[in-house]
Structures are given as C-alpha cells and as structure tokens.
Amino acid sequence: MTDYDVLRVFCGPHGGYGNELGVVREGSVMPEREDRQAFAEKLGFSETVFVDDPERGVIDIYTPTLRLPFAGHPCVGAGWLLDVPELVVPAGVVGARQDGEFCWIEARAEWVPPRTLRQYATAAEVDDLPVPPKGEWIYAWAWLDESAGRVRARAFPGRDDGIEEDEATGAAALLLTERLGRALNITQGTGSQILTAPQPEGWTEIGGRVHLER
C-alpha cells in the first residue's frame, strides 16, 4: 500500500467535522494517471491529492472517478500540509497562505467545473433535503443571517462514485461568493466551516481549518 496522509479540511470551530482528504506526498511512486485514478477510487475520499513537487507546490487532484483541474478543499489541505506560498494545478497557480488557525487559498471561479447553485428560503429546508438523483452537481444553500453573510449549505456531487454528499466544498463556495459578490461564512454538511472573501481582478480567497487525521 502506498503511504498517504489523511487530512480533515474546513473543520468546525472546535476542530471537528471537515472533509477528509487523502494526500500522497511522494507522487513519484505513482506517476501514471490511471494508477492514480485507481488509487483514488480505492481510498474512496471525495478527493485525493498526489504531490509531484513539494517545494513548488505542484499537485494532481482526483475524485474516485475523474481528474480535476482545480478543487477547493484539496488545495486548502495541500497548502496547509506543504506550507508553500502557491500551488500549481492544471487550471493555474493558486495562492496559499497561513493565517493563525486558518489556511487560505486564492483561486478563480472560471477554474471550477459547472455547478448548480440552488437557493432555498430557509436553512431548515436545506437541512431537510434528501439526496437528489444523480446527474447534476447541486450546491443547496440558504441564508442563516444575510446581513452577516452567514450561509447554510449542502453539496451533492451527483456522480456515481459513492460520494452522495460532500461534507465541505471550497470550489462551490467560491462560485457562490462570486455570484453574491461578498464575503461569506458558510456552515456546510454536518458542521464544517468555510470562509470566503472576494479579491480584486476576479480572484476569491477561500479559508478553513485543517487537521492531520493520520
């Protein structure tokens, strides 16, 4: 078995929750894409990262069924683990920084694959949603406190890969931030926390807490 770390990304204020992320620090042990894809499927996390150059921050991201040009929680987790000022992904160069208990990345909405952002009237409606049919990537959200920018959200990838609901999704949070044009404090899944902030020239920062699980 290839060595890998497990992180929880976008943890809640007391360190719980967060979305699990597999990280293979020595990507050179598995250079072929088909082998990486098979390993990501075997691990079964919503995403797995392979580090190809730890000093330059070059990473490769996979779900159990496909390779991604960019994804939020893998970049936040890898940025925290590698402690580098930037990450290089197929979509472009992602800024990264540490700020106390939070790790932040800076990315662009056009890097994110299509998502359906679906607003509901209340957080209770979001809480009560069943898992929708497969085929559409849905980010369901409602205001908890609009004046304070607090949001309740759940994410349903809609893929046939065993991930019915994503506990914390930085890329979808980025899209919502761009649509609303304001900083957000998002509670997603069972208790994960995602912070976002629009930046100049089309960039958006996404931040969260990261914990090393193993």
Protein backbone atom coordinates (compact mmCIF):
# COMPACT_ATOMS: atom_id res chain seq x y z
CA MET A 1 0.00 0.00 0.00
CA THR A 2 1.30 3.46 -0.94
CA ASP A 3 1.90 5.75 2.04
CA TYR A 4 -0.58 8.60 2.34
CA ASP A 5 -1.79 11.18 4.85
CA VAL A 6 -5.41 11.87 5.73
CA LEU A 7 -6.42 15.45 6.49
CA ARG A 8 -9.74 16.95 7.51
CA VAL A 9 -10.25 20.26 5.72
CA PHE A 10 -12.70 23.05 6.65
CA CYS A 11 -13.08 21.83 10.24
CA GLY A 12 -15.55 23.48 12.59
CA PRO A 13 -14.56 25.98 15.32
CA HIS A 14 -13.76 23.21 17.80
CA GLY A 15 -11.78 21.07 15.38
CA GLY A 16 -14.49 18.59 14.44
CA TYR A 17 -16.10 17.81 11.11
CA GLY A 18 -14.29 18.83 7.92
CA ASN A 19 -13.97 16.93 4.64
CA GLU A 20 -11.44 14.10 4.54
CA LEU A 21 -8.62 14.36 2.02
CA GLY A 22 -6.05 11.76 1.05
CA VAL A 23 -2.57 13.11 0.26
CA VAL A 24 0.19 11.03 -1.33
CA ARG A 25 3.26 13.13 -0.52
CA GLU A 26 5.56 11.16 -2.84
CA GLY A 27 3.67 11.40 -6.12
CA SER A 28 6.67 9.95 -7.95
CA VAL A 29 5.84 6.49 -6.58
CA MET A 30 2.70 6.52 -8.75
CA PRO A 31 3.41 8.64 -11.86
CA GLU A 32 0.75 7.23 -14.21
CA ARG A 33 -2.69 8.83 -14.27
CA GLU A 34 -4.54 5.53 -14.50
CA ASP A 35 -2.75 4.26 -11.37
CA ARG A 36 -3.55 7.47 -9.50
CA GLN A 37 -7.17 7.22 -10.54
CA ALA A 38 -7.37 3.62 -9.34
CA PHE A 39 -5.76 4.57 -6.01
CA ALA A 40 -8.18 7.48 -5.50
CA GLU A 41 -11.06 5.10 -6.19
CA LYS A 42 -9.64 2.61 -3.69
CA LEU A 43 -9.30 5.23 -0.95
CA GLY A 44 -12.84 6.45 -1.59
CA PHE A 45 -12.39 10.04 -0.35
CA SER A 46 -14.18 12.79 -2.23
CA GLU A 47 -10.69 13.85 -3.40
CA THR A 48 -7.14 12.53 -3.23
CA VAL A 49 -4.04 14.65 -3.95
CA PHE A 50 -0.71 13.50 -5.37
CA VAL A 51 2.22 15.83 -4.65
CA ASP A 52 4.56 15.99 -7.65
CA ASP A 53 6.85 18.76 -6.39
CA PRO A 54 6.55 19.71 -2.69
CA GLU A 55 8.81 22.77 -2.95
CA ARG A 56 6.98 24.31 -5.94
CA GLY A 57 3.58 23.09 -4.73
CA VAL A 58 2.77 21.05 -7.85
CA ILE A 59 -0.20 18.78 -7.12
CA ASP A 60 -2.57 16.49 -9.02
CA ILE A 61 -6.20 16.05 -7.82
CA TYR A 62 -8.56 13.08 -8.31
CA THR A 63 -12.07 12.14 -7.24
CA PRO A 64 -12.85 8.38 -7.19
CA THR A 65 -13.79 8.62 -10.88
CA LEU A 66 -12.07 11.62 -12.50
CA ARG A 67 -9.13 14.01 -12.50
CA LEU A 68 -9.87 17.65 -11.59
CA PRO A 69 -8.11 20.78 -12.90
CA PHE A 70 -8.83 22.52 -9.58
CA ALA A 71 -10.69 21.81 -6.34
CA GLY A 72 -11.06 23.83 -3.17
CA HIS A 73 -10.65 21.53 -0.20
CA PRO A 74 -7.68 19.64 -1.76
CA CYS A 75 -5.87 22.94 -2.36
CA VAL A 76 -6.55 24.23 1.15
CA GLY A 77 -5.38 20.91 2.61
CA ALA A 78 -2.27 20.70 0.42
CA GLY A 79 -1.42 24.35 1.08
CA TRP A 80 -1.56 23.71 4.81
CA LEU A 81 0.43 20.48 4.65
CA LEU A 82 3.17 21.74 2.32
CA ASP A 83 3.27 25.28 3.79
CA VAL A 84 4.11 26.87 0.44
CA PRO A 85 3.13 30.32 -0.94
CA GLU A 86 1.48 28.85 -4.02
CA LEU A 87 0.19 25.63 -5.53
CA VAL A 88 0.37 24.64 -9.19
CA VAL A 89 -2.66 22.75 -10.55
CA PRO A 90 -3.71 22.14 -14.18
CA ALA A 91 -6.09 25.13 -14.02
CA GLY A 92 -3.40 27.62 -12.94
CA VAL A 93 -1.38 28.92 -9.99
CA VAL A 94 -3.22 29.02 -6.66
CA GLY A 95 -2.03 31.44 -3.99
CA ALA A 96 -1.72 29.96 -0.49
CA ARG A 97 -1.11 31.44 2.93
CA GLN A 98 -1.40 30.59 6.62
CA ASP A 99 -3.24 32.97 8.95
CA GLY A 100 -3.40 31.75 12.53
CA GLU A 101 -5.76 28.78 12.69
CA PHE A 102 -6.81 29.20 9.05
CA CYS A 103 -5.21 28.24 5.75
CA TRP A 104 -6.27 30.33 2.76
CA ILE A 105 -6.04 29.83 -0.98
CA GLU A 106 -6.76 32.29 -3.79
CA ALA A 107 -8.41 30.98 -6.95
CA ARG A 108 -10.70 31.91 -9.84
CA ALA A 109 -14.31 30.94 -10.49
CA GLU A 110 -13.63 30.02 -14.13
CA TRP A 111 -11.46 27.14 -12.91
CA VAL A 112 -14.46 25.42 -11.32
CA PRO A 113 -16.42 22.80 -13.30
CA PRO A 114 -20.16 23.55 -13.66
CA ARG A 115 -22.27 23.51 -10.50
CA THR A 116 -25.95 24.25 -9.93
CA LEU A 117 -26.29 26.80 -7.10
CA ARG A 118 -29.81 26.37 -5.72
CA GLN A 119 -31.11 28.81 -3.13
CA TYR A 120 -33.74 27.86 -0.56
CA ALA A 121 -35.84 30.12 1.64
CA THR A 122 -34.63 28.76 4.97
CA ALA A 123 -31.77 26.77 6.44
CA ALA A 124 -34.31 24.21 7.68
CA GLU A 125 -35.27 23.46 4.08
CA VAL A 126 -31.63 22.82 3.25
CA ASP A 127 -31.28 20.58 6.32
CA ASP A 128 -34.30 18.51 5.27
CA LEU A 129 -33.22 17.88 1.67
CA PRO A 130 -32.94 14.26 0.54
CA VAL A 131 -30.05 13.28 -1.71
CA PRO A 132 -31.20 14.26 -5.23
CA PRO A 133 -31.00 11.96 -8.27
CA LYS A 134 -27.58 11.57 -9.86
CA GLY A 135 -26.52 13.58 -12.88
CA GLU A 136 -26.38 17.17 -11.61
CA TRP A 137 -23.85 18.75 -9.23
CA ILE A 138 -26.04 20.72 -6.78
CA TYR A 139 -24.97 23.21 -4.13
CA ALA A 140 -28.04 23.87 -1.98
CA TRP A 141 -27.87 26.96 0.20
CA ALA A 142 -29.88 29.41 2.29
CA TRP A 143 -29.13 32.46 4.38
CA LEU A 144 -28.64 31.93 8.09
CA ASP A 145 -28.04 35.65 8.56
CA GLU A 146 -27.88 37.66 5.35
CA SER A 147 -26.64 40.86 6.97
CA ALA A 148 -23.70 38.97 8.49
CA GLY A 149 -23.00 36.89 5.37
CA ARG A 150 -23.72 33.61 7.17
CA VAL A 151 -24.86 30.74 4.93
CA ARG A 152 -26.12 27.19 5.42
CA ALA A 153 -25.15 24.85 2.58
CA ARG A 154 -25.06 21.22 1.48
CA ALA A 155 -23.33 19.78 -1.58
CA PHE A 156 -24.47 16.87 -3.74
CA PRO A 157 -21.90 15.92 -6.42
CA GLY A 158 -24.38 13.82 -8.39
CA ARG A 159 -21.69 11.38 -9.55
CA ASP A 160 -21.94 7.60 -9.43
CA ASP A 161 -18.85 7.17 -7.25
CA GLY A 162 -20.22 6.55 -3.76
CA ILE A 163 -19.98 10.21 -2.65
CA GLU A 164 -23.63 11.16 -2.25
CA GLU A 165 -22.92 14.32 -0.23
CA ASP A 166 -19.72 16.34 0.06
CA GLU A 167 -19.06 17.48 3.60
CA ALA A 168 -17.21 20.66 2.60
CA THR A 169 -16.69 22.08 -0.88
CA GLY A 170 -14.41 25.04 -1.46
CA ALA A 171 -14.98 25.29 -5.22
CA ALA A 172 -18.76 25.59 -4.86
CA ALA A 173 -18.27 28.15 -2.08
CA LEU A 174 -16.07 30.12 -4.49
CA LEU A 175 -18.86 30.14 -7.11
CA LEU A 176 -21.42 31.30 -4.56
CA THR A 177 -19.08 34.06 -3.39
CA GLU A 178 -18.61 35.28 -6.95
CA ARG A 179 -22.36 35.26 -7.57
CA LEU A 180 -23.19 37.17 -4.39
CA GLY A 181 -20.15 39.46 -4.56
CA ARG A 182 -19.44 39.41 -0.84
CA ALA A 183 -17.53 37.61 1.88
CA LEU A 184 -19.27 34.55 3.30
CA ASN A 185 -19.14 32.40 6.42
CA ILE A 186 -20.55 29.04 5.33
CA THR A 187 -21.65 26.15 7.50
CA GLN A 188 -21.75 23.08 5.27
CA GLY A 189 -22.58 19.43 5.81
CA THR A 190 -22.78 18.29 9.42
CA GLY A 191 -20.69 21.15 10.81
CA SER A 192 -17.83 22.21 8.56
CA GLN A 193 -16.91 25.90 8.22
CA ILE A 194 -15.74 27.64 5.04
CA LEU A 195 -14.76 31.32 4.92
CA THR A 196 -14.57 33.25 1.65
CA ALA A 197 -13.65 36.77 0.56
CA PRO A 198 -13.74 38.39 -2.91
CA GLN A 199 -10.43 39.85 -4.06
CA PRO A 200 -9.51 42.28 -6.88
CA GLU A 201 -9.38 41.25 -10.55
CA GLY A 202 -11.65 38.22 -10.28
CA TRP A 203 -9.85 36.32 -7.55
CA THR A 204 -11.51 34.83 -4.46
CA GLU A 205 -9.96 33.68 -1.20
CA ILE A 206 -11.21 30.52 0.48
CA GLY A 207 -10.15 29.68 4.02
CA GLY A 208 -10.60 26.99 6.62
CA ARG A 209 -9.08 24.97 9.42
CA VAL A 210 -7.12 21.82 8.63
CA HIS A 211 -6.29 18.92 10.93
CA LEU A 212 -3.99 15.96 10.32
CA GLU A 213 -6.01 12.80 10.89
CA ARG A 214 -3.19 10.29 10.23
